[in-house]
């Protein structure tokens, strides 16, 4: 275990003490858990950002594919393939 010094406002210290009293933990345990929880929040936010970026990339890719396939009549081509398969 490493010991650190932390400077916070008196108001924040009162709030820490109030909450740590409710959960029956000492300051060190409370602050360590608070930091872990904050890291979890940051990780989730970063993951959400990456998901949103990936979704945007997928949307862009789909649009590019749709643009390249504009004018293509898939139904006609499928019917042609089916007719060729059953007529032979």
PDB file of N, CA and C in Angstrom:
ATOM      1  N   UNK A   1       0.850  -1.178   0.000  1.00  0.00           N
ATOM      2  CA  UNK A   1       0.000   0.000   0.000  1.00  0.00           C
ATOM      3  C   UNK A   1       0.893   1.237   0.000  1.00  0.00           C
ATOM      4  N   UNK A   2       0.508   2.220  -0.788  1.00  0.00           N
ATOM      5  CA  UNK A   2       1.257   3.461  -0.892  1.00  0.00           C
ATOM      6  C   UNK A   2       0.478   4.568  -0.204  1.00  0.00           C
ATOM      7  N   UNK A   3       1.176   5.427   0.462  1.00  0.00           N
ATOM      8  CA  UNK A   3       0.535   6.548   1.147  1.00  0.00           C
ATOM      9  C   UNK A   3       0.713   7.794   0.280  1.00  0.00           C
ATOM     10  N   UNK A   4      -0.374   8.578   0.119  1.00  0.00           N
ATOM     11  CA  UNK A   4      -0.303   9.825  -0.650  1.00  0.00           C
ATOM     12  C   UNK A   4      -0.919  10.958   0.155  1.00  0.00           C
ATOM     13  N   UNK A   5      -0.581  12.168  -0.220  1.00  0.00           N
ATOM     14  CA  UNK A   5      -1.235  13.354   0.335  1.00  0.00           C
ATOM     15  C   UNK A   5      -2.166  13.899  -0.731  1.00  0.00           C
ATOM     16  N   UNK A   6      -3.342  14.316  -0.323  1.00  0.00           N
ATOM     17  CA  UNK A   6      -4.343  14.796  -1.261  1.00  0.00           C
ATOM     18  C   UNK A   6      -4.900  16.108  -0.743  1.00  0.00           C
ATOM     19  N   UNK A   7      -4.907  17.116  -1.580  1.00  0.00           N
ATOM     20  CA  UNK A   7      -5.469  18.412  -1.187  1.00  0.00           C
ATOM     21  C   UNK A   7      -6.851  18.556  -1.796  1.00  0.00           C
ATOM     22  N   UNK A   8      -7.857  18.726  -0.952  1.00  0.00           N
ATOM     23  CA  UNK A   8      -9.237  18.953  -1.402  1.00  0.00           C
ATOM     24  C   UNK A   8      -9.854  20.032  -0.522  1.00  0.00           C
ATOM     25  N   UNK A   9     -10.933  20.597  -0.981  1.00  0.00           N
ATOM     26  CA  UNK A   9     -11.593  21.643  -0.205  1.00  0.00           C
ATOM     27  C   UNK A   9     -12.248  21.049   1.047  1.00  0.00           C
ATOM     28  N   UNK A  10     -12.444  21.912   2.035  1.00  0.00           N
ATOM     29  CA  UNK A  10     -13.101  21.454   3.263  1.00  0.00           C
ATOM     30  C   UNK A  10     -14.510  20.957   2.973  1.00  0.00           C
ATOM     31  N   UNK A  11     -15.174  21.611   2.050  1.00  0.00           N
ATOM     32  CA  UNK A  11     -16.534  21.207   1.681  1.00  0.00           C
ATOM     33  C   UNK A  11     -16.549  19.784   1.117  1.00  0.00           C
ATOM     34  N   UNK A  12     -15.599  19.497   0.228  1.00  0.00           N
ATOM     35  CA  UNK A  12     -15.520  18.162  -0.352  1.00  0.00           C
ATOM     36  C   UNK A  12     -15.158  17.132   0.721  1.00  0.00           C
ATOM     37  N   UNK A  13     -14.291  17.493   1.634  1.00  0.00           N
ATOM     38  CA  UNK A  13     -13.930  16.577   2.719  1.00  0.00           C
ATOM     39  C   UNK A  13     -15.146  16.268   3.588  1.00  0.00           C
ATOM     40  N   UNK A  14     -15.948  17.274   3.873  1.00  0.00           N
ATOM     41  CA  UNK A  14     -17.180  17.041   4.654  1.00  0.00           C
ATOM     42  C   UNK A  14     -18.105  16.079   3.909  1.00  0.00           C
ATOM     43  N   UNK A  15     -18.196  16.262   2.587  1.00  0.00           N
ATOM     44  CA  UNK A  15     -19.035  15.382   1.778  1.00  0.00           C
ATOM     45  C   UNK A  15     -18.485  13.951   1.776  1.00  0.00           C
ATOM     46  N   UNK A  16     -17.172  13.823   1.633  1.00  0.00           N
ATOM     47  CA  UNK A  16     -16.532  12.505   1.694  1.00  0.00           C
ATOM     48  C   UNK A  16     -16.837  11.853   3.033  1.00  0.00           C
ATOM     49  N   UNK A  17     -16.636  12.593   4.111  1.00  0.00           N
ATOM     50  CA  UNK A  17     -16.878  12.036   5.441  1.00  0.00           C
ATOM     51  C   UNK A  17     -18.335  11.635   5.625  1.00  0.00           C
ATOM     52  N   UNK A  18     -19.243  12.430   5.073  1.00  0.00           N
ATOM     53  CA  UNK A  18     -20.668  12.121   5.183  1.00  0.00           C
ATOM     54  C   UNK A  18     -20.992  10.797   4.485  1.00  0.00           C
ATOM     55  N   UNK A  19     -20.495  10.653   3.266  1.00  0.00           N
ATOM     56  CA  UNK A  19     -20.769   9.426   2.508  1.00  0.00           C
ATOM     57  C   UNK A  19     -20.028   8.218   3.076  1.00  0.00           C
ATOM     58  N   UNK A  20     -18.781   8.410   3.488  1.00  0.00           N
ATOM     59  CA  UNK A  20     -18.035   7.265   3.999  1.00  0.00           C
ATOM     60  C   UNK A  20     -18.648   6.768   5.294  1.00  0.00           C
ATOM     61  N   UNK A  21     -19.223   7.692   6.056  1.00  0.00           N
ATOM     62  CA  UNK A  21     -19.906   7.295   7.289  1.00  0.00           C
ATOM     63  C   UNK A  21     -21.127   6.428   6.948  1.00  0.00           C
ATOM     64  N   UNK A  22     -21.847   6.817   5.891  1.00  0.00           N
ATOM     65  CA  UNK A  22     -23.043   6.045   5.490  1.00  0.00           C
ATOM     66  C   UNK A  22     -22.676   4.624   5.066  1.00  0.00           C
ATOM     67  N   UNK A  23     -21.543   4.471   4.392  1.00  0.00           N
ATOM     68  CA  UNK A  23     -21.153   3.147   3.916  1.00  0.00           C
ATOM     69  C   UNK A  23     -20.178   2.451   4.872  1.00  0.00           C
ATOM     70  N   UNK A  24     -19.905   3.104   5.989  1.00  0.00           N
ATOM     71  CA  UNK A  24     -19.073   2.528   7.054  1.00  0.00           C
ATOM     72  C   UNK A  24     -17.685   2.118   6.563  1.00  0.00           C
ATOM     73  N   UNK A  25     -17.007   3.062   5.926  1.00  0.00           N
ATOM     74  CA  UNK A  25     -15.634   2.838   5.468  1.00  0.00           C
ATOM     75  C   UNK A  25     -14.745   3.964   5.980  1.00  0.00           C
ATOM     76  N   UNK A  26     -13.461   3.684   6.072  1.00  0.00           N
ATOM     77  CA  UNK A  26     -12.535   4.766   6.420  1.00  0.00           C
ATOM     78  C   UNK A  26     -12.276   5.603   5.169  1.00  0.00           C
ATOM     79  N   UNK A  27     -11.619   6.734   5.364  1.00  0.00           N
ATOM     80  CA  UNK A  27     -11.399   7.646   4.237  1.00  0.00           C
ATOM     81  C   UNK A  27     -10.608   6.981   3.121  1.00  0.00           C
ATOM     82  N   UNK A  28      -9.568   6.266   3.480  1.00  0.00           N
ATOM     83  CA  UNK A  28      -8.717   5.652   2.458  1.00  0.00           C
ATOM     84  C   UNK A  28      -9.504   4.658   1.611  1.00  0.00           C
ATOM     85  N   UNK A  29     -10.254   3.782   2.260  1.00  0.00           N
ATOM     86  CA  UNK A  29     -11.042   2.785   1.530  1.00  0.00           C
ATOM     87  C   UNK A  29     -12.098   3.466   0.669  1.00  0.00           C
ATOM     88  N   UNK A  30     -12.723   4.502   1.234  1.00  0.00           N
ATOM     89  CA  UNK A  30     -13.757   5.221   0.500  1.00  0.00           C
ATOM     90  C   UNK A  30     -13.173   5.894  -0.746  1.00  0.00           C
ATOM     91  N   UNK A  31     -12.045   6.589  -0.577  1.00  0.00           N
ATOM     92  CA  UNK A  31     -11.429   7.291  -1.702  1.00  0.00           C
ATOM     93  C   UNK A  31     -10.942   6.293  -2.752  1.00  0.00           C
ATOM     94  N   UNK A  32     -10.371   5.169  -2.319  1.00  0.00           N
ATOM     95  CA  UNK A  32      -9.900   4.162  -3.277  1.00  0.00           C
ATOM     96  C   UNK A  32     -11.076   3.635  -4.098  1.00  0.00           C
ATOM     97  N   UNK A  33     -12.194   3.349  -3.432  1.00  0.00           N
ATOM     98  CA  UNK A  33     -13.374   2.845  -4.152  1.00  0.00           C
ATOM     99  C   UNK A  33     -13.954   3.920  -5.072  1.00  0.00           C
ATOM    100  N   UNK A  34     -13.945   5.164  -4.615  1.00  0.00           N
ATOM    101  CA  UNK A  34     -14.446   6.268  -5.442  1.00  0.00           C
ATOM    102  C   UNK A  34     -13.608   6.403  -6.713  1.00  0.00           C
ATOM    103  N   UNK A  35     -12.300   6.269  -6.572  1.00  0.00           N
ATOM    104  CA  UNK A  35     -11.430   6.344  -7.750  1.00  0.00           C
ATOM    105  C   UNK A  35     -11.691   5.184  -8.706  1.00  0.00           C
ATOM    106  N   UNK A  36     -11.847   3.984  -8.172  1.00  0.00           N
ATOM    107  CA  UNK A  36     -12.149   2.826  -9.026  1.00  0.00           C
ATOM    108  C   UNK A  36     -13.459   3.044  -9.775  1.00  0.00           C
ATOM    109  N   UNK A  37     -14.462   3.557  -9.064  1.00  0.00           N
ATOM    110  CA  UNK A  37     -15.756   3.820  -9.707  1.00  0.00           C
ATOM    111  C   UNK A  37     -15.612   4.878 -10.805  1.00  0.00           C
ATOM    112  N   UNK A  38     -14.806   5.889 -10.542  1.00  0.00           N
ATOM    113  CA  UNK A  38     -14.587   6.931 -11.540  1.00  0.00           C
ATOM    114  C   UNK A  38     -13.866   6.369 -12.762  1.00  0.00           C
ATOM    115  N   UNK A  39     -12.893   5.487 -12.532  1.00  0.00           N
ATOM    116  CA  UNK A  39     -12.207   4.846 -13.656  1.00  0.00           C
ATOM    117  C   UNK A  39     -13.185   4.033 -14.492  1.00  0.00           C
ATOM    118  N   UNK A  40     -14.110   3.343 -13.831  1.00  0.00           N
ATOM    119  CA  UNK A  40     -15.141   2.580 -14.552  1.00  0.00           C
ATOM    120  C   UNK A  40     -15.991   3.502 -15.427  1.00  0.00           C
ATOM    121  N   UNK A  41     -16.347   4.659 -14.883  1.00  0.00           N
ATOM    122  CA  UNK A  41     -17.146   5.628 -15.643  1.00  0.00           C
ATOM    123  C   UNK A  41     -16.372   6.097 -16.876  1.00  0.00           C
ATOM    124  N   UNK A  42     -15.099   6.419 -16.684  1.00  0.00           N
ATOM    125  CA  UNK A  42     -14.268   6.866 -17.804  1.00  0.00           C
ATOM    126  C   UNK A  42     -14.168   5.766 -18.859  1.00  0.00           C
ATOM    127  N   UNK A  43     -13.945   4.523 -18.410  1.00  0.00           N
ATOM    128  CA  UNK A  43     -13.857   3.401 -19.351  1.00  0.00           C
ATOM    129  C   UNK A  43     -15.150   3.257 -20.157  1.00  0.00           C
ATOM    130  N   UNK A  44     -16.300   3.349 -19.488  1.00  0.00           N
ATOM    131  CA  UNK A  44     -17.591   3.233 -20.185  1.00  0.00           C
ATOM    132  C   UNK A  44     -17.778   4.366 -21.189  1.00  0.00           C
ATOM    133  N   UNK A  45     -17.419   5.580 -20.779  1.00  0.00           N
ATOM    134  CA  UNK A  45     -17.553   6.721 -21.693  1.00  0.00           C
ATOM    135  C   UNK A  45     -16.659   6.548 -22.924  1.00  0.00           C
ATOM    136  N   UNK A  46     -15.434   6.065 -22.709  1.00  0.00           N
ATOM    137  CA  UNK A  46     -14.525   5.850 -23.838  1.00  0.00           C
ATOM    138  C   UNK A  46     -15.061   4.749 -24.752  1.00  0.00           C
ATOM    139  N   UNK A  47     -15.606   3.694 -24.157  1.00  0.00           N
ATOM    140  CA  UNK A  47     -16.176   2.612 -24.954  1.00  0.00           C
ATOM    141  C   UNK A  47     -17.388   3.106 -25.741  1.00  0.00           C
ATOM    142  N   UNK A  48     -18.245   3.893 -25.098  1.00  0.00           N
ATOM    143  CA  UNK A  48     -19.405   4.458 -25.797  1.00  0.00           C
ATOM    144  C   UNK A  48     -18.962   5.330 -26.971  1.00  0.00           C
ATOM    145  N   UNK A  49     -17.905   6.111 -26.757  1.00  0.00           N
ATOM    146  CA  UNK A  49     -17.394   6.965 -27.834  1.00  0.00           C
ATOM    147  C   UNK A  49     -16.896   6.107 -28.996  1.00  0.00           C
ATOM    148  N   UNK A  50     -16.161   5.043 -28.680  1.00  0.00           N
ATOM    149  CA  UNK A  50     -15.662   4.151 -29.729  1.00  0.00           C
ATOM    150  C   UNK A  50     -16.811   3.472 -30.463  1.00  0.00           C
ATOM    151  N   UNK A  51     -17.847   3.087 -29.732  1.00  0.00           N
ATOM    152  CA  UNK A  51     -19.020   2.463 -30.366  1.00  0.00           C
ATOM    153  C   UNK A  51     -19.683   3.441 -31.323  1.00  0.00           C
ATOM    154  N   UNK A  52     -19.870   4.686 -30.880  1.00  0.00           N
ATOM    155  CA  UNK A  52     -20.493   5.695 -31.738  1.00  0.00           C
ATOM    156  C   UNK A  52     -19.656   5.939 -32.994  1.00  0.00           C
ATOM    157  N   UNK A  53     -18.330   5.994 -32.816  1.00  0.00           N
ATOM    158  CA  UNK A  53     -17.453   6.188 -33.978  1.00  0.00           C
ATOM    159  C   UNK A  53     -17.563   5.010 -34.936  1.00  0.00           C
ATOM    160  N   UNK A  54     -17.627   3.799 -34.386  1.00  0.00           N
ATOM    161  CA  UNK A  54     -17.740   2.599 -35.233  1.00  0.00           C
ATOM    162  C   UNK A  54     -19.071   2.608 -35.975  1.00  0.00           C
ATOM    163  N   UNK A  55     -20.129   3.011 -35.300  1.00  0.00           N
ATOM    164  CA  UNK A  55     -21.448   3.077 -35.941  1.00  0.00           C
ATOM    165  C   UNK A  55     -21.420   4.088 -37.086  1.00  0.00           C
ATOM    166  N   UNK A  56     -20.777   5.222 -36.874  1.00  0.00           N
ATOM    167  CA  UNK A  56     -20.684   6.232 -37.931  1.00  0.00           C
ATOM    168  C   UNK A  56     -19.880   5.696 -39.121  1.00  0.00           C
ATOM    169  N   UNK A  57     -18.810   4.954 -38.832  1.00  0.00           N
ATOM    170  CA  UNK A  57     -18.025   4.365 -39.915  1.00  0.00           C
ATOM    171  C   UNK A  57     -18.868   3.366 -40.711  1.00  0.00           C
ATOM    172  N   UNK A  58     -19.657   2.577 -40.009  1.00  0.00           N
ATOM    173  CA  UNK A  58     -20.527   1.606 -40.679  1.00  0.00           C
ATOM    174  C   UNK A  58     -21.561   2.339 -41.546  1.00  0.00           C
ATOM    175  N   UNK A  59     -22.144   3.402 -40.994  1.00  0.00           N
ATOM    176  CA  UNK A  59     -23.117   4.184 -41.770  1.00  0.00           C
ATOM    177  C   UNK A  59     -22.471   4.734 -43.041  1.00  0.00           C
ATOM    178  N   UNK A  60     -21.260   5.275 -42.900  1.00  0.00           N
ATOM    179  CA  UNK A  60     -20.555   5.821 -44.069  1.00  0.00           C
ATOM    180  C   UNK A  60     -20.278   4.724 -45.091  1.00  0.00           C
ATOM    181  N   UNK A  61     -19.839   3.561 -44.615  1.00  0.00           N
ATOM    182  CA  UNK A  61     -19.560   2.438 -45.530  1.00  0.00           C
ATOM    183  C   UNK A  61     -20.822   1.996 -46.252  1.00  0.00           C
ATOM    184  N   UNK A  62     -21.924   1.901 -45.510  1.00  0.00           N
ATOM    185  CA  UNK A  62     -23.190   1.483 -46.125  1.00  0.00           C
ATOM    186  C   UNK A  62     -23.633   2.482 -47.177  1.00  0.00           C
ATOM    187  N   UNK A  63     -23.440   3.770 -46.883  1.00  0.00           N
ATOM    188  CA  UNK A  63     -23.829   4.786 -47.852  1.00  0.00           C
ATOM    189  C   UNK A  63     -22.973   4.683 -49.114  1.00  0.00           C
ATOM    190  N   UNK A  64     -21.665   4.466 -48.943  1.00  0.00           N
ATOM    191  CA  UNK A  64     -20.779   4.332 -50.100  1.00  0.00           C
ATOM    192  C   UNK A  64     -21.175   3.120 -50.937  1.00  0.00           C
ATOM    193  N   UNK A  65     -21.497   2.022 -50.276  1.00  0.00           N
ATOM    194  CA  UNK A  65     -21.924   0.820 -51.002  1.00  0.00           C
ATOM    195  C   UNK A  65     -23.228   1.092 -51.737  1.00  0.00           C
ATOM    196  N   UNK A  66     -24.169   1.724 -51.047  1.00  0.00           N
ATOM    197  CA  UNK A  66     -25.455   2.032 -51.679  1.00  0.00           C
ATOM    198  C   UNK A  66     -25.268   2.944 -52.884  1.00  0.00           C
ATOM    199  N   UNK A  67     -24.378   3.916 -52.755  1.00  0.00           N
ATOM    200  CA  UNK A  67     -24.115   4.829 -53.879  1.00  0.00           C
ATOM    201  C   UNK A  67     -23.524   4.070 -55.064  1.00  0.00           C
ATOM    202  N   UNK A  68     -22.606   3.143 -54.779  1.00  0.00           N
ATOM    203  CA  UNK A  68     -21.983   2.376 -55.860  1.00  0.00           C
ATOM    204  C   UNK A  68     -22.967   1.417 -56.518  1.00  0.00           C
ATOM    205  N   UNK A  69     -23.974   0.992 -55.763  1.00  0.00           N
ATOM    206  CA  UNK A  69     -24.944   0.037 -56.304  1.00  0.00           C
ATOM    207  C   UNK A  69     -26.216   0.712 -56.813  1.00  0.00           C
ATOM    208  N   UNK A  70     -26.240   2.028 -56.810  1.00  0.00           N
ATOM    209  CA  UNK A  70     -27.450   2.706 -57.270  1.00  0.00           C
ATOM    210  C   UNK A  70     -27.717   2.322 -58.721  1.00  0.00           C
ATOM    211  N   UNK A  71     -28.954   2.074 -59.011  1.00  0.00           N
ATOM    212  CA  UNK A  71     -29.334   1.663 -60.355  1.00  0.00           C
ATOM    213  C   UNK A  71     -29.326   0.159 -60.539  1.00  0.00           C
ATOM    214  N   UNK A  72     -28.771  -0.565 -59.601  1.00  0.00           N
ATOM    215  CA  UNK A  72     -28.739  -2.022 -59.698  1.00  0.00           C
ATOM    216  C   UNK A  72     -30.097  -2.573 -59.306  1.00  0.00           C
ATOM    217  N   UNK A  73     -30.677  -3.381 -60.153  1.00  0.00           N
ATOM    218  CA  UNK A  73     -31.978  -3.991 -59.886  1.00  0.00           C
ATOM    219  C   UNK A  73     -31.740  -5.416 -59.397  1.00  0.00           C
ATOM    220  N   UNK A  74     -31.623  -5.551 -58.093  1.00  0.00           N
ATOM    221  CA  UNK A  74     -31.326  -6.852 -57.485  1.00  0.00           C
ATOM    222  C   UNK A  74     -32.435  -7.858 -57.770  1.00  0.00           C
ATOM    223  N   UNK A  75     -33.673  -7.420 -57.731  1.00  0.00           N
ATOM    224  CA  UNK A  75     -34.797  -8.325 -57.973  1.00  0.00           C
ATOM    225  C   UNK A  75     -34.710  -8.916 -59.374  1.00  0.00           C
ATOM    226  N   UNK A  76     -34.411  -8.086 -60.352  1.00  0.00           N
ATOM    227  CA  UNK A  76     -34.283  -8.553 -61.730  1.00  0.00           C
ATOM    228  C   UNK A  76     -33.167  -9.597 -61.842  1.00  0.00           C
ATOM    229  N   UNK A  77     -32.029  -9.302 -61.239  1.00  0.00           N
ATOM    230  CA  UNK A  77     -30.903 -10.235 -61.320  1.00  0.00           C
ATOM    231  C   UNK A  77     -31.208 -11.561 -60.629  1.00  0.00           C
ATOM    232  N   UNK A  78     -31.873 -11.508 -59.512  1.00  0.00           N
ATOM    233  CA  UNK A  78     -32.232 -12.750 -58.803  1.00  0.00           C
ATOM    234  C   UNK A  78     -33.215 -13.562 -59.645  1.00  0.00           C
ATOM    235  N   UNK A  79     -34.195 -12.897 -60.236  1.00  0.00           N
ATOM    236  CA  UNK A  79     -35.154 -13.607 -61.091  1.00  0.00           C
ATOM    237  C   UNK A  79     -34.444 -14.254 -62.275  1.00  0.00           C
ATOM    238  N   UNK A  80     -33.506 -13.510 -62.859  1.00  0.00           N
ATOM    239  CA  UNK A  80     -32.746 -14.052 -63.989  1.00  0.00           C
ATOM    240  C   UNK A  80     -31.973 -15.293 -63.577  1.00  0.00           C
ATOM    241  N   UNK A  81     -31.331 -15.245 -62.440  1.00  0.00           N
ATOM    242  CA  UNK A  81     -30.577 -16.400 -61.939  1.00  0.00           C
ATOM    243  C   UNK A  81     -31.513 -17.582 -61.668  1.00  0.00           C
ATOM    244  N   UNK A  82     -32.652 -17.314 -61.078  1.00  0.00           N
ATOM    245  CA  UNK A  82     -33.606 -18.394 -60.786  1.00  0.00           C
ATOM    246  C   UNK A  82     -34.131 -19.014 -62.072  1.00  0.00           C
ATOM    247  N   UNK A  83     -34.466 -18.166 -63.011  1.00  0.00           N
ATOM    248  CA  UNK A  83     -34.983 -18.692 -64.291  1.00  0.00           C
ATOM    249  C   UNK A  83     -33.945 -19.551 -64.980  1.00  0.00           C
ATOM    250  N   UNK A  84     -32.689 -19.137 -64.927  1.00  0.00           N
ATOM    251  CA  UNK A  84     -31.637 -19.906 -65.544  1.00  0.00           C
ATOM    252  C   UNK A  84     -31.424 -21.245 -64.839  1.00  0.00           C
ATOM    253  N   UNK A  85     -31.630 -21.276 -63.549  1.00  0.00           N
ATOM    254  CA  UNK A  85     -31.435 -22.493 -62.780  1.00  0.00           C
ATOM    255  C   UNK A  85     -32.554 -23.505 -63.079  1.00  0.00           C
ATOM    256  N   UNK A  86     -33.762 -23.015 -63.234  1.00  0.00           N
ATOM    257  CA  UNK A  86     -34.905 -23.921 -63.425  1.00  0.00           C
ATOM    258  C   UNK A  86     -35.181 -24.252 -64.896  1.00  0.00           C
ATOM    259  N   UNK A  87     -34.616 -23.483 -65.801  1.00  0.00           N
ATOM    260  CA  UNK A  87     -34.895 -23.737 -67.224  1.00  0.00           C
ATOM    261  C   UNK A  87     -33.909 -24.725 -67.843  1.00  0.00           C
ATOM    262  N   UNK A  88     -32.850 -25.007 -67.137  1.00  0.00           N
ATOM    263  CA  UNK A  88     -31.781 -25.794 -67.708  1.00  0.00           C
ATOM    264  C   UNK A  88     -31.937 -27.243 -67.529  1.00  0.00           C
TER     265      UNK A  88
END
